[in-house]
Amino acid sequence: MRFATIASAAILSALLGGSALAEDIARPECVAPAKPGGGFDLTCRIAQSGLKDQLANPVQVTFMPGGIGAVAINQFNTNRTDDPNAIVAFSSGSLLNMAIGKYGQWNEDDVKFTATAGQDYGAIIVKADSPFETLDDVLAALKENPTGVVLGAGGSVGSQDWMKAALLVRSEGIDPRQMRYVAFDGGGDAMAGLLGGSIQVYTGDVGEIVSMMEAGNIRVLAVMNDERLPAPFADTPTTVELGYADAVWPIIRGYYMGKNVSDEAYKAWVDAFEAAYGTDAWNKTVTDQGLQPVALAGEEMQAEMLKRVERMRTIAKEAGLIQ
């Protein structure tokens, strides 16, 4: 399930030792469309740290919670549609929301996909003192009583995080409509819900949980991938090796801009990312957050994300989420 496309411009940039600072991005900003602490926050922090050598000014992170990205995409299609300074964090969950109409009138044609931050993966997470020692324990309890285990994550029914939970329970022949699922507005709130005891199992992402895992607050029962990830997840089994082959969920993380930004502004950001890709500093920034580097920007990025939205739309139709 690895996404291994590498933009040719990134390779050239690395060979030439990078490019000049993008001084025409006067006030670089990354909008995280959720509260602090979740995957969108993480995505913006990658841009903030990873582009330090490519931008003349530091990236400022702004939080814009609401509707798992709905407020942000509305802002960038009304008041900030041509903002040359701002990028907005998105994930595969955002693509799914575009595909099924969760953002109202706005969809994939209303943004300019700009660059990737990296590849993330779904994860099955419990508190450190949870009675569920393994993924088999969770699914056995769900099979005995589908409403007896409270699952939750940073997304409503039909969202990416709900889909992860749905794939998990479907792998044991359980109707996802039977499960008890609590929706939070972002990964930070979902983690607080797990630690506070309002949910028992969090279907989150590996990129969101590195610090909590290293602090000993949580345990990761499985990564939703076919191959094991490198440290700090090298000892964590995958859903596939545990026998749940259909419970796989890779996640692309990246950035978009308003659809009416100038070609010059768009190119300035694309150039900055392509100059960073392949450098040791960028790769360390990405892997330290539990993500795998993926170098894709500009027109290639735009084309690939449009394909992914269409695939999400097909999956959603098969799941009965849309007609």
Protein backbone atom coordinates (compact mmCIF):
# COMPACT_ATOMS: atom_id res chain seq x y z
CA MET A 1 0.00 0.00 0.00
CA ARG A 2 2.96 2.34 -0.20
CA PHE A 3 2.62 5.50 -2.27
CA ALA A 4 6.08 5.82 -3.80
CA THR A 5 5.71 8.46 -6.51
CA ILE A 6 8.59 10.96 -6.35
CA ALA A 7 8.30 14.25 -8.20
CA SER A 8 11.13 14.64 -10.69
CA ALA A 9 11.59 18.27 -9.72
CA ALA A 10 12.26 17.22 -6.13
CA ILE A 11 15.07 14.95 -7.29
CA LEU A 12 16.59 17.75 -9.38
CA SER A 13 16.27 20.14 -6.44
CA ALA A 14 18.09 17.72 -4.13
CA LEU A 15 20.88 17.21 -6.67
CA LEU A 16 21.36 20.95 -7.02
CA GLY A 17 21.35 21.49 -3.28
CA GLY A 18 17.99 23.26 -3.03
CA SER A 19 16.77 26.58 -4.41
CA ALA A 20 16.65 30.22 -3.43
CA LEU A 21 14.38 31.31 -0.60
CA ALA A 22 10.77 31.91 -1.67
CA GLU A 23 10.80 35.56 -0.65
CA ASP A 24 7.58 36.36 -2.51
CA ILE A 25 5.57 34.40 0.09
CA ALA A 26 5.39 37.35 2.46
CA ARG A 27 3.39 35.90 5.35
CA PRO A 28 3.40 32.10 5.03
CA GLU A 29 0.53 30.51 6.90
CA CYS A 30 -0.69 26.95 7.29
CA VAL A 31 -4.33 26.58 8.27
CA ALA A 32 -5.11 23.49 10.38
CA PRO A 33 -8.89 22.97 10.02
CA ALA A 34 -9.40 21.52 13.51
CA LYS A 35 -8.41 22.16 17.10
CA PRO A 36 -4.77 21.70 18.19
CA GLY A 37 -3.41 18.21 18.71
CA GLY A 38 -4.72 16.22 15.76
CA GLY A 39 -3.58 15.23 12.30
CA PHE A 40 -4.16 18.63 10.70
CA ASP A 41 -2.04 20.25 13.40
CA LEU A 42 0.68 17.69 12.72
CA THR A 43 0.49 18.38 8.97
CA CYS A 44 0.97 22.12 9.49
CA ARG A 45 3.84 21.55 11.91
CA ILE A 46 5.60 19.55 9.21
CA ALA A 47 5.35 22.53 6.85
CA GLN A 48 6.43 24.89 9.61
CA SER A 49 9.56 22.91 10.44
CA GLY A 50 10.30 21.33 7.08
CA LEU A 51 10.25 24.55 5.03
CA LYS A 52 12.49 26.61 7.31
CA ASP A 53 15.31 26.63 4.78
CA GLN A 54 13.06 27.29 1.78
CA LEU A 55 11.03 30.29 2.98
CA ALA A 56 12.28 33.72 3.95
CA ASN A 57 9.75 33.91 6.81
CA PRO A 58 8.55 31.19 9.19
CA VAL A 59 5.23 29.45 8.59
CA GLN A 60 2.59 30.51 11.10
CA VAL A 61 0.00 27.88 12.09
CA THR A 62 -3.64 28.98 12.38
CA PHE A 63 -6.42 26.75 13.73
CA MET A 64 -9.81 26.87 12.03
CA PRO A 65 -11.98 24.10 13.53
CA GLY A 66 -15.42 23.21 12.31
CA GLY A 67 -16.95 20.40 10.32
CA ILE A 68 -13.68 18.46 9.90
CA GLY A 69 -12.51 20.97 7.31
CA ALA A 70 -15.86 22.41 6.22
CA VAL A 71 -15.28 25.85 7.77
CA ALA A 72 -11.84 26.09 6.18
CA ILE A 73 -12.89 25.12 2.67
CA ASN A 74 -15.77 27.60 2.92
CA GLN A 75 -13.36 30.37 3.94
CA PHE A 76 -11.05 29.58 1.04
CA ASN A 77 -13.95 29.69 -1.39
CA THR A 78 -15.37 32.98 -0.15
CA ASN A 79 -13.07 35.40 1.67
CA ARG A 80 -9.65 33.89 0.86
CA THR A 81 -10.05 32.24 -2.49
CA ASP A 82 -6.96 34.00 -3.93
CA ASP A 83 -4.82 34.23 -0.76
CA PRO A 84 -1.19 33.83 -1.93
CA ASN A 85 0.25 33.29 1.55
CA ALA A 86 -1.85 30.43 2.91
CA ILE A 87 -1.95 26.68 2.51
CA VAL A 88 -4.59 24.48 4.15
CA ALA A 89 -3.85 21.05 5.62
CA PHE A 90 -5.91 18.14 4.33
CA SER A 91 -5.89 14.35 4.51
CA SER A 92 -7.54 11.39 2.82
CA GLY A 93 -10.47 12.10 5.12
CA SER A 94 -10.87 15.50 3.48
CA LEU A 95 -10.89 13.81 0.07
CA LEU A 96 -13.62 11.48 1.30
CA ASN A 97 -15.66 14.44 2.54
CA MET A 98 -15.33 16.06 -0.87
CA ALA A 99 -16.38 12.83 -2.54
CA ILE A 100 -19.57 12.35 -0.51
CA GLY A 101 -20.67 15.98 -0.35
CA LYS A 102 -19.84 16.69 3.30
CA TYR A 103 -18.57 20.15 2.34
CA GLY A 104 -21.85 21.25 0.78
CA GLN A 105 -21.33 23.04 -2.51
CA TRP A 106 -17.54 22.80 -2.32
CA ASN A 107 -15.64 19.81 -3.69
CA GLU A 108 -12.30 18.83 -5.23
CA ASP A 109 -12.75 21.32 -8.07
CA ASP A 110 -12.77 24.22 -5.62
CA VAL A 111 -9.18 23.93 -4.36
CA LYS A 112 -5.69 23.77 -5.85
CA PHE A 113 -3.89 20.77 -4.40
CA THR A 114 -0.34 21.96 -3.77
CA ALA A 115 1.97 19.42 -2.12
CA THR A 116 2.19 16.38 0.13
CA ALA A 117 3.40 16.25 3.71
CA GLY A 118 3.75 12.47 3.82
CA GLN A 119 1.87 9.22 4.12
CA ASP A 120 0.10 8.30 7.33
CA TYR A 121 -1.74 5.13 8.32
CA GLY A 122 -4.77 4.27 10.39
CA ALA A 123 -4.20 2.77 13.82
CA ILE A 124 -6.23 0.97 16.49
CA ILE A 125 -5.45 2.62 19.82
CA VAL A 126 -6.41 1.98 23.44
CA LYS A 127 -5.40 3.44 26.79
CA ALA A 128 -2.26 2.04 28.36
CA ASP A 129 -4.31 0.33 31.09
CA SER A 130 -7.04 -0.95 28.77
CA PRO A 131 -8.26 -4.50 29.36
CA PHE A 132 -7.95 -5.03 25.60
CA GLU A 133 -4.47 -6.45 25.19
CA THR A 134 -4.74 -7.29 21.49
CA LEU A 135 -6.85 -6.45 18.46
CA ASP A 136 -8.35 -9.93 18.71
CA ASP A 137 -9.62 -8.99 22.18
CA VAL A 138 -11.42 -5.95 20.79
CA LEU A 139 -13.03 -7.83 17.94
CA ALA A 140 -14.03 -10.75 20.15
CA ALA A 141 -15.83 -8.32 22.46
CA LEU A 142 -17.52 -6.63 19.51
CA LYS A 143 -18.58 -9.96 18.06
CA GLU A 144 -20.13 -10.95 21.38
CA ASN A 145 -21.89 -7.61 21.72
CA PRO A 146 -21.52 -5.01 18.92
CA THR A 147 -22.74 -2.23 21.22
CA GLY A 148 -20.62 -3.32 24.18
CA VAL A 149 -17.46 -1.50 23.06
CA VAL A 150 -17.43 2.26 22.51
CA LEU A 151 -15.32 3.32 19.53
CA GLY A 152 -14.60 6.89 18.52
CA ALA A 153 -12.44 9.22 16.46
CA GLY A 154 -12.23 12.68 14.96
CA GLY A 155 -14.95 12.39 12.36
CA SER A 156 -18.68 11.79 12.04
CA VAL A 157 -20.50 8.84 10.49
CA GLY A 158 -19.28 8.42 6.93
CA SER A 159 -15.94 10.12 7.64
CA GLN A 160 -12.51 8.61 7.17
CA ASP A 161 -12.21 7.70 10.85
CA TRP A 162 -15.67 6.13 10.83
CA MET A 163 -14.67 4.17 7.72
CA LYS A 164 -11.65 2.78 9.58
CA ALA A 165 -13.89 1.55 12.39
CA ALA A 166 -16.40 0.21 9.87
CA LEU A 167 -13.74 -1.74 7.97
CA LEU A 168 -12.53 -3.21 11.23
CA VAL A 169 -15.91 -4.50 12.41
CA ARG A 170 -16.92 -5.66 8.92
CA SER A 171 -13.83 -7.88 8.89
CA GLU A 172 -15.61 -9.93 11.59
CA GLY A 173 -18.96 -9.88 9.82
CA ILE A 174 -20.43 -7.18 12.09
CA ASP A 175 -22.78 -4.60 10.57
CA PRO A 176 -21.07 -1.19 11.08
CA ARG A 177 -24.48 0.35 11.74
CA GLN A 178 -24.62 -1.63 14.99
CA MET A 179 -21.41 -0.26 16.51
CA ARG A 180 -21.35 2.47 19.14
CA TYR A 181 -19.29 5.24 17.60
CA VAL A 182 -18.61 8.66 19.13
CA ALA A 183 -17.64 11.47 16.76
CA PHE A 184 -15.22 14.21 17.86
CA ASP A 185 -14.16 17.38 16.09
CA GLY A 186 -10.59 16.34 15.40
CA GLY A 187 -7.98 13.91 16.65
CA GLY A 188 -7.02 16.00 19.67
CA ASP A 189 -10.52 15.82 21.09
CA ALA A 190 -10.73 12.12 20.28
CA MET A 191 -7.50 11.41 22.15
CA ALA A 192 -8.82 13.36 25.14
CA GLY A 193 -11.97 11.25 24.96
CA LEU A 194 -9.93 8.05 24.99
CA LEU A 195 -7.78 9.13 27.93
CA GLY A 196 -10.84 10.44 29.75
CA GLY A 197 -12.73 7.18 29.34
CA SER A 198 -15.61 8.34 27.15
CA ILE A 199 -14.47 5.90 24.46
CA GLN A 200 -12.58 2.61 24.75
CA VAL A 201 -11.04 2.30 21.28
CA TYR A 202 -9.76 5.14 19.13
CA THR A 203 -9.46 4.56 15.37
CA GLY A 204 -6.84 7.25 14.81
CA ASP A 205 -3.69 7.72 12.77
CA VAL A 206 -0.10 6.81 13.59
CA GLY A 207 1.08 10.34 12.88
CA GLU A 208 -1.09 11.75 15.66
CA ILE A 209 0.07 9.51 18.46
CA VAL A 210 3.86 9.32 18.59
CA SER A 211 4.25 11.55 21.65
CA MET A 212 1.41 9.87 23.55
CA MET A 213 2.79 6.44 22.78
CA GLU A 214 6.31 7.39 23.84
CA ALA A 215 4.91 8.89 27.07
CA GLY A 216 3.26 5.55 27.86
CA ASN A 217 -0.29 6.90 27.84
CA ILE A 218 -1.60 4.63 25.10
CA ARG A 219 -1.03 1.30 23.38
CA VAL A 220 -1.29 0.75 19.64
CA LEU A 221 -2.87 -2.62 18.96
CA ALA A 222 -2.38 -2.52 15.20
CA VAL A 223 -1.41 -0.34 12.26
CA MET A 224 -3.88 -0.48 9.36
CA ASN A 225 -1.38 -1.45 6.69
CA ASP A 226 -0.03 -4.54 4.97
CA GLU A 227 3.61 -3.95 5.95
CA ARG A 228 5.13 -2.96 9.28
CA LEU A 229 6.31 0.61 9.64
CA PRO A 230 9.77 1.62 10.86
CA ALA A 231 10.43 2.80 14.42
CA PRO A 232 8.68 3.72 16.62
CA PHE A 233 6.09 1.30 15.15
CA ALA A 234 8.46 -1.50 14.16
CA ASP A 235 7.13 -3.76 16.93
CA THR A 236 3.47 -2.97 16.24
CA PRO A 237 1.66 -5.63 14.20
CA THR A 238 -0.38 -4.74 11.14
CA THR A 239 -4.03 -5.58 10.62
CA VAL A 240 -3.07 -7.74 7.66
CA GLU A 241 -0.61 -9.90 9.59
CA LEU A 242 -3.24 -10.30 12.33
CA GLY A 243 -5.65 -11.72 9.79
CA TYR A 244 -7.80 -8.69 8.99
CA ALA A 245 -6.81 -8.18 5.37
CA ASP A 246 -9.64 -5.78 4.51
CA ALA A 247 -8.97 -3.45 7.45
CA VAL A 248 -6.28 -1.39 5.69
CA TRP A 249 -6.29 2.41 5.51
CA PRO A 250 -3.31 4.42 4.18
CA ILE A 251 -3.69 8.19 4.53
CA ILE A 252 -2.17 10.89 2.40
CA ARG A 253 -1.49 14.20 4.17
CA GLY A 254 -0.91 17.40 2.28
CA TYR A 255 -1.90 20.97 1.51
CA TYR A 256 -4.22 22.87 -0.80
CA MET A 257 -4.64 26.55 -1.73
CA GLY A 258 -7.63 28.60 -2.83
CA LYS A 259 -8.67 27.87 -6.40
CA ASN A 260 -8.14 31.47 -7.57
CA VAL A 261 -4.56 31.94 -6.37
CA SER A 262 -2.22 33.29 -8.99
CA ASP A 263 0.05 30.97 -10.93
CA GLU A 264 3.01 32.81 -9.39
CA ALA A 265 1.84 32.23 -5.80
CA TYR A 266 1.03 28.59 -6.47
CA LYS A 267 4.43 28.05 -8.11
CA ALA A 268 6.23 29.72 -5.21
CA TRP A 269 4.78 27.22 -2.74
CA VAL A 270 5.31 24.26 -5.09
CA ASP A 271 8.93 25.30 -5.60
CA ALA A 272 9.46 25.57 -1.85
CA PHE A 273 8.16 22.06 -1.24
CA GLU A 274 10.09 20.58 -4.15
CA ALA A 275 13.27 22.18 -2.85
CA ALA A 276 12.65 20.61 0.57
CA TYR A 277 11.77 17.13 -0.65
CA GLY A 278 14.68 14.74 -0.50
CA THR A 279 16.69 16.78 1.99
CA ASP A 280 17.73 15.17 5.25
CA ALA A 281 15.96 17.92 7.22
CA TRP A 282 12.62 17.32 5.50
CA ASN A 283 12.81 13.55 5.74
CA LYS A 284 13.66 13.74 9.45
CA THR A 285 10.78 16.14 10.08
CA VAL A 286 8.35 13.77 8.38
CA THR A 287 9.60 10.50 9.89
CA ASP A 288 9.84 11.98 13.38
CA GLN A 289 6.08 12.44 13.17
CA GLY A 290 5.51 8.80 12.26
CA LEU A 291 4.84 9.49 8.58
CA GLN A 292 6.55 8.10 5.50
CA PRO A 293 8.02 10.65 3.05
CA VAL A 294 6.09 11.16 -0.19
CA ALA A 295 7.31 13.80 -2.64
CA LEU A 296 4.54 15.07 -4.87
CA ALA A 297 3.68 18.68 -5.75
CA GLY A 298 2.18 20.91 -8.42
CA GLU A 299 0.38 19.49 -11.43
CA GLU A 300 1.24 15.89 -10.54
CA MET A 301 -0.21 16.43 -7.08
CA GLN A 302 -3.38 17.98 -8.49
CA ALA A 303 -3.95 15.12 -10.93
CA GLU A 304 -3.31 12.41 -8.35
CA MET A 305 -5.65 13.93 -5.74
CA LEU A 306 -8.47 14.23 -8.29
CA LYS A 307 -8.05 10.52 -9.05
CA ARG A 308 -8.13 9.70 -5.34
CA VAL A 309 -11.34 11.65 -4.79
CA GLU A 310 -12.99 9.73 -7.59
CA ARG A 311 -11.84 6.44 -6.06
CA MET A 312 -13.23 7.59 -2.69
CA ARG A 313 -16.53 8.37 -4.40
CA THR A 314 -16.67 4.84 -5.77
CA ILE A 315 -15.93 3.33 -2.33
CA ALA A 316 -18.58 5.55 -0.74
CA LYS A 317 -21.19 4.40 -3.25
CA GLU A 318 -20.34 0.77 -2.55
CA ALA A 319 -20.69 1.45 1.20
CA GLY A 320 -24.10 3.04 0.66
CA LEU A 321 -22.96 6.48 1.87
CA ILE A 322 -24.12 8.15 -1.34
CA GLN A 323 -26.42 7.20 -4.18
